[in-house]
Protein backbone atom coordinates (compact mmCIF):
# COMPACT_ATOMS: atom_id res chain seq x y z
CA UNK A 1 0.00 0.00 0.00
CA UNK A 2 1.30 3.45 -0.83
CA UNK A 3 0.80 6.41 1.42
CA UNK A 4 0.23 9.94 0.24
CA UNK A 5 2.46 12.80 1.34
CA UNK A 6 1.68 16.36 0.38
CA UNK A 7 4.48 18.92 0.38
CA UNK A 8 4.65 22.58 -0.53
CA UNK A 9 7.27 23.73 -3.00
CA UNK A 10 8.31 27.25 -3.79
CA UNK A 11 7.94 28.24 -7.43
CA UNK A 12 11.63 27.83 -8.27
CA UNK A 13 11.85 24.33 -6.79
CA UNK A 14 8.65 23.29 -8.54
CA UNK A 15 9.96 24.65 -11.86
CA UNK A 16 13.28 22.84 -11.47
CA UNK A 17 11.55 19.59 -10.49
CA UNK A 18 9.25 19.82 -13.50
CA UNK A 19 12.16 20.53 -15.85
CA UNK A 20 14.13 17.52 -14.61
CA UNK A 21 11.05 15.31 -14.83
CA UNK A 22 10.50 16.32 -18.47
CA UNK A 23 14.17 15.98 -19.34
CA UNK A 24 14.53 12.51 -17.75
CA UNK A 25 11.10 11.10 -18.56
CA UNK A 26 10.46 10.40 -14.89
CA UNK A 27 7.52 11.59 -12.83
CA UNK A 28 7.87 14.36 -10.31
CA UNK A 29 6.77 11.91 -7.63
CA UNK A 30 9.47 9.44 -8.64
CA UNK A 31 12.12 12.14 -8.48
CA UNK A 32 10.86 13.34 -5.09
CA UNK A 33 10.87 9.78 -3.71
CA UNK A 34 14.41 9.23 -4.97
CA UNK A 35 15.58 12.52 -3.45
CA UNK A 36 13.94 11.64 -0.14
CA UNK A 37 15.56 8.17 -0.12
CA UNK A 38 18.96 9.73 -0.76
CA UNK A 39 18.51 12.37 1.93
CA UNK A 40 17.37 9.81 4.50
CA UNK A 41 20.36 7.60 3.66
CA UNK A 42 22.62 10.62 4.13
CA UNK A 43 21.09 11.36 7.54
CA UNK A 44 21.60 7.72 8.53
CA UNK A 45 25.22 7.79 7.35
CA UNK A 46 25.94 11.03 9.24
CA UNK A 47 24.39 9.63 12.43
CA UNK A 48 26.52 6.49 12.16
CA UNK A 49 29.60 8.56 11.46
CA UNK A 50 29.00 10.63 14.62
CA UNK A 51 28.66 7.42 16.66
CA UNK A 52 31.90 5.84 15.43
CA UNK A 53 33.99 9.01 15.24
CA UNK A 54 35.34 8.80 18.80
CA UNK A 55 36.50 5.21 18.19
CA UNK A 56 38.12 6.14 14.88
CA UNK A 57 39.89 9.15 16.38
CA UNK A 58 41.20 7.00 19.23
CA UNK A 59 42.86 4.80 16.60
CA UNK A 60 44.36 7.72 14.70
CA UNK A 61 41.76 8.16 11.96
CA UNK A 62 41.30 11.92 11.92
CA UNK A 63 40.39 12.55 8.27
CA UNK A 64 38.69 10.74 5.39
CA UNK A 65 42.11 10.50 3.79
CA UNK A 66 43.36 8.47 6.79
CA UNK A 67 40.59 5.94 6.22
CA UNK A 68 41.07 5.84 2.45
CA UNK A 69 44.81 5.32 2.90
CA UNK A 70 44.29 2.21 5.03
CA UNK A 71 41.32 0.82 3.10
CA UNK A 72 42.82 1.21 -0.38
């Protein structure tokens, strides 16, 4: 079952959403769902990062480059 969510968009955001929908052949709803999924994933990632940061810093991982260096 799908639920309905109503949101208000300012004119510029609505115009940009409509343009991208036309250009990509996707619906505005599909684009909005995709954007919401991405934003929620980003929030989840940032929350996880805040939780593990003290452990990483204790082991000398102070920057993204430190992690990339050891993972690569």
